[in-house]
Amino acid sequence: MLENSQRLPWKLYIIITLQTLVAFYLATFSIAMFFIRGGHEWLISSIAIIILYLFVIFACAKIILNKLSIAAIMLIIPIAPLLALVIVVTLIPVLEHLI
């Protein structure tokens, strides 16, 4: 009998995809809100938030590379830039509403 994770790998793919998309969306939202609102001491804070943003991107990439198969990664490669663009574009109305 097959193991549950081998029989239904799509559940693992969906969970990983949702986790990384939510993490990327929240990180992009945070960095956009920070740069829209600004502040007095924005240089040091902006460097720190950019480092945290890059950490989220690399952590998401590491999770994807470690847990997904090569076939799934080959499918994600052309779709990932489109998803990133969609995430950024969907943030525009949210940010306009909050300003």
PDB file of N, CA and C in Angstrom:
ATOM      1  N   MET A   1       0.839  -1.183   0.000  1.00  0.00           N
ATOM      2  CA  MET A   1       0.000   0.000   0.000  1.00  0.00           C
ATOM      3  C   MET A   1       0.884   1.247   0.000  1.00  0.00           C
ATOM      4  N   LEU A   2       0.515   2.215  -0.785  1.00  0.00           N
ATOM      5  CA  LEU A   2       1.299   3.435  -0.883  1.00  0.00           C
ATOM      6  C   LEU A   2       1.097   4.323   0.334  1.00  0.00           C
ATOM      7  N   GLU A   3       2.141   5.030   0.647  1.00  0.00           N
ATOM      8  CA  GLU A   3       2.069   6.001   1.730  1.00  0.00           C
ATOM      9  C   GLU A   3       1.171   7.159   1.294  1.00  0.00           C
ATOM     10  N   ASN A   4       0.537   7.808   2.249  1.00  0.00           N
ATOM     11  CA  ASN A   4      -0.422   8.872   1.939  1.00  0.00           C
ATOM     12  C   ASN A   4       0.233  10.016   1.176  1.00  0.00           C
ATOM     13  N   SER A   5       1.471  10.401   1.529  1.00  0.00           N
ATOM     14  CA  SER A   5       2.131  11.505   0.837  1.00  0.00           C
ATOM     15  C   SER A   5       2.517  11.126  -0.590  1.00  0.00           C
ATOM     16  N   GLN A   6       2.771   9.837  -0.843  1.00  0.00           N
ATOM     17  CA  GLN A   6       3.093   9.406  -2.202  1.00  0.00           C
ATOM     18  C   GLN A   6       1.834   9.265  -3.042  1.00  0.00           C
ATOM     19  N   ARG A   7       0.747   8.907  -2.421  1.00  0.00           N
ATOM     20  CA  ARG A   7      -0.491   8.721  -3.154  1.00  0.00           C
ATOM     21  C   ARG A   7      -1.132  10.052  -3.534  1.00  0.00           C
ATOM     22  N   LEU A   8      -1.005  11.051  -2.672  1.00  0.00           N
ATOM     23  CA  LEU A   8      -1.612  12.352  -2.914  1.00  0.00           C
ATOM     24  C   LEU A   8      -0.581  13.466  -2.803  1.00  0.00           C
ATOM     25  N   PRO A   9       0.373  13.561  -3.746  1.00  0.00           N
ATOM     26  CA  PRO A   9       1.395  14.608  -3.637  1.00  0.00           C
ATOM     27  C   PRO A   9       0.848  16.001  -3.908  1.00  0.00           C
ATOM     28  N   TRP A  10      -0.305  16.104  -4.532  1.00  0.00           N
ATOM     29  CA  TRP A  10      -0.845  17.420  -4.851  1.00  0.00           C
ATOM     30  C   TRP A  10      -1.213  18.197  -3.603  1.00  0.00           C
ATOM     31  N   LYS A  11      -1.575  17.494  -2.503  1.00  0.00           N
ATOM     32  CA  LYS A  11      -1.880  18.196  -1.256  1.00  0.00           C
ATOM     33  C   LYS A  11      -0.638  18.896  -0.712  1.00  0.00           C
ATOM     34  N   LEU A  12       0.498  18.219  -0.785  1.00  0.00           N
ATOM     35  CA  LEU A  12       1.757  18.822  -0.355  1.00  0.00           C
ATOM     36  C   LEU A  12       2.094  20.023  -1.229  1.00  0.00           C
ATOM     37  N   TYR A  13       1.881  19.902  -2.533  1.00  0.00           N
ATOM     38  CA  TYR A  13       2.163  20.999  -3.456  1.00  0.00           C
ATOM     39  C   TYR A  13       1.278  22.212  -3.167  1.00  0.00           C
ATOM     40  N   ILE A  14       0.011  21.960  -2.881  1.00  0.00           N
ATOM     41  CA  ILE A  14      -0.910  23.063  -2.591  1.00  0.00           C
ATOM     42  C   ILE A  14      -0.543  23.748  -1.285  1.00  0.00           C
ATOM     43  N   ILE A  15      -0.196  22.986  -0.265  1.00  0.00           N
ATOM     44  CA  ILE A  15       0.177  23.566   1.025  1.00  0.00           C
ATOM     45  C   ILE A  15       1.440  24.412   0.889  1.00  0.00           C
ATOM     46  N   ILE A  16       2.440  23.892   0.209  1.00  0.00           N
ATOM     47  CA  ILE A  16       3.687  24.642   0.014  1.00  0.00           C
ATOM     48  C   ILE A  16       3.430  25.905  -0.804  1.00  0.00           C
ATOM     49  N   THR A  17       2.615  25.795  -1.848  1.00  0.00           N
ATOM     50  CA  THR A  17       2.302  26.952  -2.684  1.00  0.00           C
ATOM     51  C   THR A  17       1.577  28.026  -1.888  1.00  0.00           C
ATOM     52  N   LEU A  18       0.589  27.626  -1.104  1.00  0.00           N
ATOM     53  CA  LEU A  18      -0.146  28.604  -0.298  1.00  0.00           C
ATOM     54  C   LEU A  18       0.736  29.262   0.754  1.00  0.00           C
ATOM     55  N   GLN A  19       1.590  28.479   1.403  1.00  0.00           N
ATOM     56  CA  GLN A  19       2.486  29.043   2.413  1.00  0.00           C
ATOM     57  C   GLN A  19       3.425  30.076   1.800  1.00  0.00           C
ATOM     58  N   THR A  20       4.010  29.748   0.675  1.00  0.00           N
ATOM     59  CA  THR A  20       4.959  30.683   0.074  1.00  0.00           C
ATOM     60  C   THR A  20       4.264  31.904  -0.512  1.00  0.00           C
ATOM     61  N   LEU A  21       3.080  31.721  -1.090  1.00  0.00           N
ATOM     62  CA  LEU A  21       2.359  32.876  -1.621  1.00  0.00           C
ATOM     63  C   LEU A  21       1.917  33.826  -0.513  1.00  0.00           C
ATOM     64  N   VAL A  22       1.441  33.281   0.588  1.00  0.00           N
ATOM     65  CA  VAL A  22       1.031  34.130   1.710  1.00  0.00           C
ATOM     66  C   VAL A  22       2.240  34.846   2.305  1.00  0.00           C
ATOM     67  N   ALA A  23       3.341  34.147   2.450  1.00  0.00           N
ATOM     68  CA  ALA A  23       4.552  34.783   2.990  1.00  0.00           C
ATOM     69  C   ALA A  23       5.039  35.891   2.058  1.00  0.00           C
ATOM     70  N   PHE A  24       5.065  35.628   0.760  1.00  0.00           N
ATOM     71  CA  PHE A  24       5.501  36.642  -0.199  1.00  0.00           C
ATOM     72  C   PHE A  24       4.542  37.825  -0.230  1.00  0.00           C
ATOM     73  N   TYR A  25       3.232  37.564  -0.168  1.00  0.00           N
ATOM     74  CA  TYR A  25       2.240  38.638  -0.185  1.00  0.00           C
ATOM     75  C   TYR A  25       2.380  39.524   1.051  1.00  0.00           C
ATOM     76  N   LEU A  26       2.503  38.914   2.227  1.00  0.00           N
ATOM     77  CA  LEU A  26       2.646  39.703   3.453  1.00  0.00           C
ATOM     78  C   LEU A  26       3.957  40.482   3.481  1.00  0.00           C
ATOM     79  N   ALA A  27       5.024  39.881   2.996  1.00  0.00           N
ATOM     80  CA  ALA A  27       6.306  40.586   2.965  1.00  0.00           C
ATOM     81  C   ALA A  27       6.254  41.764   1.995  1.00  0.00           C
ATOM     82  N   THR A  28       5.645  41.563   0.829  1.00  0.00           N
ATOM     83  CA  THR A  28       5.524  42.640  -0.145  1.00  0.00           C
ATOM     84  C   THR A  28       4.611  43.748   0.385  1.00  0.00           C
ATOM     85  N   PHE A  29       3.533  43.361   1.050  1.00  0.00           N
ATOM     86  CA  PHE A  29       2.643  44.349   1.644  1.00  0.00           C
ATOM     87  C   PHE A  29       3.360  45.161   2.722  1.00  0.00           C
ATOM     88  N   SER A  30       4.134  44.499   3.544  1.00  0.00           N
ATOM     89  CA  SER A  30       4.855  45.195   4.614  1.00  0.00           C
ATOM     90  C   SER A  30       5.869  46.185   4.057  1.00  0.00           C
ATOM     91  N   ILE A  31       6.617  45.767   3.066  1.00  0.00           N
ATOM     92  CA  ILE A  31       7.631  46.666   2.504  1.00  0.00           C
ATOM     93  C   ILE A  31       6.962  47.831   1.759  1.00  0.00           C
ATOM     94  N   ALA A  32       5.840  47.578   1.099  1.00  0.00           N
ATOM     95  CA  ALA A  32       5.137  48.664   0.412  1.00  0.00           C
ATOM     96  C   ALA A  32       4.556  49.660   1.414  1.00  0.00           C
ATOM     97  N   MET A  33       3.961  49.166   2.479  1.00  0.00           N
ATOM     98  CA  MET A  33       3.418  50.066   3.506  1.00  0.00           C
ATOM     99  C   MET A  33       4.525  50.882   4.161  1.00  0.00           C
ATOM    100  N   PHE A  34       5.661  50.262   4.391  1.00  0.00           N
ATOM    101  CA  PHE A  34       6.762  50.983   5.013  1.00  0.00           C
ATOM    102  C   PHE A  34       7.234  52.136   4.135  1.00  0.00           C
ATOM    103  N   PHE A  35       7.414  51.878   2.848  1.00  0.00           N
ATOM    104  CA  PHE A  35       7.927  52.921   1.968  1.00  0.00           C
ATOM    105  C   PHE A  35       6.864  53.966   1.615  1.00  0.00           C
ATOM    106  N   ILE A  36       5.594  53.616   1.698  1.00  0.00           N
ATOM    107  CA  ILE A  36       4.549  54.611   1.473  1.00  0.00           C
ATOM    108  C   ILE A  36       4.424  55.527   2.683  1.00  0.00           C
ATOM    109  N   ARG A  37       4.423  54.962   3.878  1.00  0.00           N
ATOM    110  CA  ARG A  37       4.259  55.753   5.098  1.00  0.00           C
ATOM    111  C   ARG A  37       5.526  56.520   5.467  1.00  0.00           C
ATOM    112  N   GLY A  38       6.681  55.899   5.256  1.00  0.00           N
ATOM    113  CA  GLY A  38       7.949  56.562   5.562  1.00  0.00           C
ATOM    114  C   GLY A  38       8.145  56.774   7.055  1.00  0.00           C
ATOM    115  N   GLY A  39       9.025  57.661   7.392  1.00  0.00           N
ATOM    116  CA  GLY A  39       9.304  57.957   8.778  1.00  0.00           C
ATOM    117  C   GLY A  39      10.498  58.888   8.878  1.00  0.00           C
ATOM    118  N   HIS A  40      10.887  59.227  10.120  1.00  0.00           N
ATOM    119  CA  HIS A  40      12.002  60.139  10.316  1.00  0.00           C
ATOM    120  C   HIS A  40      13.344  59.453  10.079  1.00  0.00           C
ATOM    121  N   GLU A  41      13.519  58.325  10.655  1.00  0.00           N
ATOM    122  CA  GLU A  41      14.767  57.564  10.517  1.00  0.00           C
ATOM    123  C   GLU A  41      14.534  56.409   9.546  1.00  0.00           C
ATOM    124  N   TRP A  42      14.301  56.712   8.292  1.00  0.00           N
ATOM    125  CA  TRP A  42      13.912  55.678   7.358  1.00  0.00           C
ATOM    126  C   TRP A  42      15.081  54.926   6.748  1.00  0.00           C
ATOM    127  N   LEU A  43      16.284  55.455   6.764  1.00  0.00           N
ATOM    128  CA  LEU A  43      17.409  54.792   6.104  1.00  0.00           C
ATOM    129  C   LEU A  43      17.786  53.486   6.803  1.00  0.00           C
ATOM    130  N   ILE A  44      17.975  53.537   8.098  1.00  0.00           N
ATOM    131  CA  ILE A  44      18.353  52.330   8.844  1.00  0.00           C
ATOM    132  C   ILE A  44      17.208  51.317   8.826  1.00  0.00           C
ATOM    133  N   SER A  45      16.001  51.808   9.011  1.00  0.00           N
ATOM    134  CA  SER A  45      14.843  50.913   8.998  1.00  0.00           C
ATOM    135  C   SER A  45      14.626  50.299   7.622  1.00  0.00           C
ATOM    136  N   SER A  46      14.855  51.070   6.569  1.00  0.00           N
ATOM    137  CA  SER A  46      14.649  50.529   5.226  1.00  0.00           C
ATOM    138  C   SER A  46      15.673  49.448   4.895  1.00  0.00           C
ATOM    139  N   ILE A  47      16.896  49.612   5.346  1.00  0.00           N
ATOM    140  CA  ILE A  47      17.901  48.571   5.131  1.00  0.00           C
ATOM    141  C   ILE A  47      17.503  47.296   5.858  1.00  0.00           C
ATOM    142  N   ALA A  48      17.020  47.453   7.084  1.00  0.00           N
ATOM    143  CA  ALA A  48      16.597  46.278   7.861  1.00  0.00           C
ATOM    144  C   ALA A  48      15.403  45.585   7.219  1.00  0.00           C
ATOM    145  N   ILE A  49      14.432  46.345   6.756  1.00  0.00           N
ATOM    146  CA  ILE A  49      13.249  45.717   6.170  1.00  0.00           C
ATOM    147  C   ILE A  49      13.567  45.081   4.819  1.00  0.00           C
ATOM    148  N   ILE A  50      14.499  45.643   4.072  1.00  0.00           N
ATOM    149  CA  ILE A  50      14.912  45.027   2.808  1.00  0.00           C
ATOM    150  C   ILE A  50      15.639  43.710   3.073  1.00  0.00           C
ATOM    151  N   ILE A  51      16.471  43.673   4.112  1.00  0.00           N
ATOM    152  CA  ILE A  51      17.147  42.422   4.483  1.00  0.00           C
ATOM    153  C   ILE A  51      16.121  41.366   4.889  1.00  0.00           C
ATOM    154  N   LEU A  52      15.105  41.765   5.662  1.00  0.00           N
ATOM    155  CA  LEU A  52      14.049  40.820   6.043  1.00  0.00           C
ATOM    156  C   LEU A  52      13.249  40.352   4.827  1.00  0.00           C
ATOM    157  N   TYR A  53      13.003  41.254   3.883  1.00  0.00           N
ATOM    158  CA  TYR A  53      12.279  40.893   2.665  1.00  0.00           C
ATOM    159  C   TYR A  53      13.063  39.865   1.849  1.00  0.00           C
ATOM    160  N   LEU A  54      14.351  40.097   1.699  1.00  0.00           N
ATOM    161  CA  LEU A  54      15.196  39.134   0.980  1.00  0.00           C
ATOM    162  C   LEU A  54      15.262  37.800   1.708  1.00  0.00           C
ATOM    163  N   PHE A  55      15.259  37.839   3.041  1.00  0.00           N
ATOM    164  CA  PHE A  55      15.241  36.601   3.820  1.00  0.00           C
ATOM    165  C   PHE A  55      13.971  35.802   3.539  1.00  0.00           C
ATOM    166  N   VAL A  56      12.829  36.476   3.466  1.00  0.00           N
ATOM    167  CA  VAL A  56      11.571  35.781   3.174  1.00  0.00           C
ATOM    168  C   VAL A  56      11.624  35.161   1.783  1.00  0.00           C
ATOM    169  N   ILE A  57      12.153  35.885   0.815  1.00  0.00           N
ATOM    170  CA  ILE A  57      12.241  35.347  -0.546  1.00  0.00           C
ATOM    171  C   ILE A  57      13.149  34.120  -0.589  1.00  0.00           C
ATOM    172  N   PHE A  58      14.317  34.196   0.054  1.00  0.00           N
ATOM    173  CA  PHE A  58      15.222  33.047   0.047  1.00  0.00           C
ATOM    174  C   PHE A  58      14.671  31.878   0.855  1.00  0.00           C
ATOM    175  N   ALA A  59      13.971  32.152   1.944  1.00  0.00           N
ATOM    176  CA  ALA A  59      13.370  31.067   2.733  1.00  0.00           C
ATOM    177  C   ALA A  59      12.280  30.364   1.932  1.00  0.00           C
ATOM    178  N   CYS A  60      11.468  31.123   1.213  1.00  0.00           N
ATOM    179  CA  CYS A  60      10.429  30.522   0.369  1.00  0.00           C
ATOM    180  C   CYS A  60      11.055  29.688  -0.748  1.00  0.00           C
ATOM    181  N   ALA A  61      12.109  30.211  -1.352  1.00  0.00           N
ATOM    182  CA  ALA A  61      12.786  29.462  -2.417  1.00  0.00           C
ATOM    183  C   ALA A  61      13.396  28.176  -1.881  1.00  0.00           C
ATOM    184  N   LYS A  62      13.967  28.236  -0.694  1.00  0.00           N
ATOM    185  CA  LYS A  62      14.563  27.034  -0.103  1.00  0.00           C
ATOM    186  C   LYS A  62      13.503  25.981   0.192  1.00  0.00           C
ATOM    187  N   ILE A  63      12.368  26.397   0.707  1.00  0.00           N
ATOM    188  CA  ILE A  63      11.277  25.454   0.980  1.00  0.00           C
ATOM    189  C   ILE A  63      10.807  24.812  -0.317  1.00  0.00           C
ATOM    190  N   ILE A  64      10.643  25.616  -1.352  1.00  0.00           N
ATOM    191  CA  ILE A  64      10.179  25.089  -2.639  1.00  0.00           C
ATOM    192  C   ILE A  64      11.194  24.108  -3.216  1.00  0.00           C
ATOM    193  N   LEU A  65      12.467  24.465  -3.181  1.00  0.00           N
ATOM    194  CA  LEU A  65      13.492  23.590  -3.756  1.00  0.00           C
ATOM    195  C   LEU A  65      13.667  22.300  -2.965  1.00  0.00           C
ATOM    196  N   ASN A  66      13.489  22.352  -1.656  1.00  0.00           N
ATOM    197  CA  ASN A  66      13.677  21.154  -0.834  1.00  0.00           C
ATOM    198  C   ASN A  66      12.492  20.201  -0.874  1.00  0.00           C
ATOM    199  N   LYS A  67      11.286  20.711  -1.020  1.00  0.00           N
ATOM    200  CA  LYS A  67      10.111  19.856  -0.867  1.00  0.00           C
ATOM    201  C   LYS A  67       9.443  19.444  -2.171  1.00  0.00           C
ATOM    202  N   LEU A  68       9.638  20.203  -3.228  1.00  0.00           N
ATOM    203  CA  LEU A  68       8.965  19.869  -4.483  1.00  0.00           C
ATOM    204  C   LEU A  68       9.871  19.056  -5.397  1.00  0.00           C
ATOM    205  N   SER A  69       9.249  18.285  -6.255  1.00  0.00           N
ATOM    206  CA  SER A  69      10.013  17.483  -7.212  1.00  0.00           C
ATOM    207  C   SER A  69      10.524  18.383  -8.336  1.00  0.00           C
ATOM    208  N   ILE A  70      11.426  17.833  -9.129  1.00  0.00           N
ATOM    209  CA  ILE A  70      11.997  18.577 -10.249  1.00  0.00           C
ATOM    210  C   ILE A  70      10.910  18.953 -11.260  1.00  0.00           C
ATOM    211  N   ALA A  71       9.970  18.052 -11.487  1.00  0.00           N
ATOM    212  CA  ALA A  71       8.892  18.344 -12.433  1.00  0.00           C
ATOM    213  C   ALA A  71       8.039  19.523 -11.952  1.00  0.00           C
ATOM    214  N   ALA A  72       7.742  19.560 -10.664  1.00  0.00           N
ATOM    215  CA  ALA A  72       6.951  20.672 -10.118  1.00  0.00           C
ATOM    216  C   ALA A  72       7.735  21.975 -10.180  1.00  0.00           C
ATOM    217  N   ILE A  73       9.034  21.910  -9.926  1.00  0.00           N
ATOM    218  CA  ILE A  73       9.870  23.113 -10.000  1.00  0.00           C
ATOM    219  C   ILE A  73       9.940  23.626 -11.438  1.00  0.00           C
ATOM    220  N   MET A  74      10.034  22.718 -12.401  1.00  0.00           N
ATOM    221  CA  MET A  74      10.059  23.133 -13.797  1.00  0.00           C
ATOM    222  C   MET A  74       8.732  23.787 -14.213  1.00  0.00           C
ATOM    223  N   LEU A  75       7.633  23.398 -13.593  1.00  0.00           N
ATOM    224  CA  LEU A  75       6.361  24.049 -13.869  1.00  0.00           C
ATOM    225  C   LEU A  75       6.263  25.414 -13.195  1.00  0.00           C
ATOM    226  N   ILE A  76       6.891  25.554 -12.049  1.00  0.00           N
ATOM    227  CA  ILE A  76       6.814  26.807 -11.293  1.00  0.00           C
ATOM    228  C   ILE A  76       7.682  27.893 -11.921  1.00  0.00           C
ATOM    229  N   ILE A  77       8.799  27.534 -12.521  1.00  0.00           N
ATOM    230  CA  ILE A  77       9.758  28.520 -13.033  1.00  0.00           C
ATOM    231  C   ILE A  77       9.108  29.539 -13.976  1.00  0.00           C
ATOM    232  N   PRO A  78       8.329  29.160 -14.986  1.00  0.00           N
ATOM    233  CA  PRO A  78       7.729  30.200 -15.825  1.00  0.00           C
ATOM    234  C   PRO A  78       6.526  30.896 -15.186  1.00  0.00           C
ATOM    235  N   ILE A  79       5.903  30.269 -14.188  1.00  0.00           N
ATOM    236  CA  ILE A  79       4.708  30.836 -13.574  1.00  0.00           C
ATOM    237  C   ILE A  79       5.051  31.805 -12.448  1.00  0.00           C
ATOM    238  N   ALA A  80       6.173  31.627 -11.779  1.00  0.00           N
ATOM    239  CA  ALA A  80       6.524  32.432 -10.600  1.00  0.00           C
ATOM    240  C   ALA A  80       6.602  33.932 -10.876  1.00  0.00           C
ATOM    241  N   PRO A  81       7.239  34.390 -11.949  1.00  0.00           N
ATOM    242  CA  PRO A  81       7.235  35.845 -12.191  1.00  0.00           C
ATOM    243  C   PRO A  81       5.833  36.417 -12.417  1.00  0.00           C
ATOM    244  N   LEU A  82       4.981  35.639 -13.070  1.00  0.00           N
ATOM    245  CA  LEU A  82       3.604  36.088 -13.272  1.00  0.00           C
ATOM    246  C   LEU A  82       2.871  36.196 -11.937  1.00  0.00           C
ATOM    247  N   LEU A  83       3.057  35.226 -11.062  1.00  0.00           N
ATOM    248  CA  LEU A  83       2.424  35.283  -9.747  1.00  0.00           C
ATOM    249  C   LEU A  83       2.943  36.463  -8.933  1.00  0.00           C
ATOM    250  N   ALA A  84       4.237  36.739  -9.013  1.00  0.00           N
ATOM    251  CA  ALA A  84       4.791  37.894  -8.297  1.00  0.00           C
ATOM    252  C   ALA A  84       4.190  39.187  -8.825  1.00  0.00           C
ATOM    253  N   LEU A  85       4.024  39.296 -10.131  1.00  0.00           N
ATOM    254  CA  LEU A  85       3.414  40.484 -10.714  1.00  0.00           C
ATOM    255  C   LEU A  85       1.957  40.623 -10.296  1.00  0.00           C
ATOM    256  N   VAL A  86       1.230  39.528 -10.278  1.00  0.00           N
ATOM    257  CA  VAL A  86      -0.172  39.551  -9.849  1.00  0.00           C
ATOM    258  C   VAL A  86      -0.266  39.981  -8.385  1.00  0.00           C
ATOM    259  N   ILE A  87       0.630  39.497  -7.552  1.00  0.00           N
ATOM    260  CA  ILE A  87       0.620  39.875  -6.141  1.00  0.00           C
ATOM    261  C   ILE A  87       0.865  41.369  -5.985  1.00  0.00           C
ATOM    262  N   VAL A  88       1.824  41.906  -6.697  1.00  0.00           N
ATOM    263  CA  VAL A  88       2.128  43.334  -6.593  1.00  0.00           C
ATOM    264  C   VAL A  88       0.963  44.174  -7.124  1.00  0.00           C
ATOM    265  N   VAL A  89       0.356  43.752  -8.215  1.00  0.00           N
ATOM    266  CA  VAL A  89      -0.759  44.509  -8.786  1.00  0.00           C
ATOM    267  C   VAL A  89      -1.983  44.464  -7.868  1.00  0.00           C
ATOM    268  N   THR A  90      -2.227  43.337  -7.208  1.00  0.00           N
ATOM    269  CA  THR A  90      -3.362  43.262  -6.296  1.00  0.00           C
ATOM    270  C   THR A  90      -3.142  44.089  -5.037  1.00  0.00           C
ATOM    271  N   LEU A  91      -1.905  44.435  -4.752  1.00  0.00           N
ATOM    272  CA  LEU A  91      -1.638  45.275  -3.588  1.00  0.00           C
ATOM    273  C   LEU A  91      -1.986  46.742  -3.834  1.00  0.00           C
ATOM    274  N   ILE A  92      -2.025  47.174  -5.070  1.00  0.00           N
ATOM    275  CA  ILE A  92      -2.239  48.593  -5.381  1.00  0.00           C
ATOM    276  C   ILE A  92      -3.567  49.105  -4.822  1.00  0.00           C
ATOM    277  N   PRO A  93      -4.713  48.438  -5.050  1.00  0.00           N
ATOM    278  CA  PRO A  93      -5.959  48.958  -4.472  1.00  0.00           C
ATOM    279  C   PRO A  93      -5.973  48.919  -2.940  1.00  0.00           C
ATOM    280  N   VAL A  94      -5.364  47.903  -2.376  1.00  0.00           N
ATOM    281  CA  VAL A  94      -5.308  47.815  -0.910  1.00  0.00           C
ATOM    282  C   VAL A  94      -4.504  48.970  -0.341  1.00  0.00           C
ATOM    283  N   LEU A  95      -3.375  49.258  -0.953  1.00  0.00           N
ATOM    284  CA  LEU A  95      -2.535  50.358  -0.473  1.00  0.00           C
ATOM    285  C   LEU A  95      -3.204  51.708  -0.703  1.00  0.00           C
ATOM    286  N   GLU A  96      -3.907  51.874  -1.821  1.00  0.00           N
ATOM    287  CA  GLU A  96      -4.625  53.119  -2.064  1.00  0.00           C
ATOM    288  C   GLU A  96      -5.731  53.331  -1.041  1.00  0.00           C
ATOM    289  N   HIS A  97      -6.376  52.265  -0.638  1.00  0.00           N
ATOM    290  CA  HIS A  97      -7.444  52.366   0.359  1.00  0.00           C
ATOM    291  C   HIS A  97      -6.880  52.733   1.736  1.00  0.00           C
ATOM    292  N   LEU A  98      -5.703  52.259   2.052  1.00  0.00           N
ATOM    293  CA  LEU A  98      -5.115  52.512   3.366  1.00  0.00           C
ATOM    294  C   LEU A  98      -4.455  53.874   3.471  1.00  0.00           C
ATOM    295  N   ILE A  99      -4.202  54.515   2.351  1.00  0.00           N
ATOM    296  CA  ILE A  99      -3.537  55.835   2.415  1.00  0.00           C
ATOM    297  C   ILE A  99      -4.510  56.916   2.740  1.00  0.00           C
TER     298      ILE A  99
END
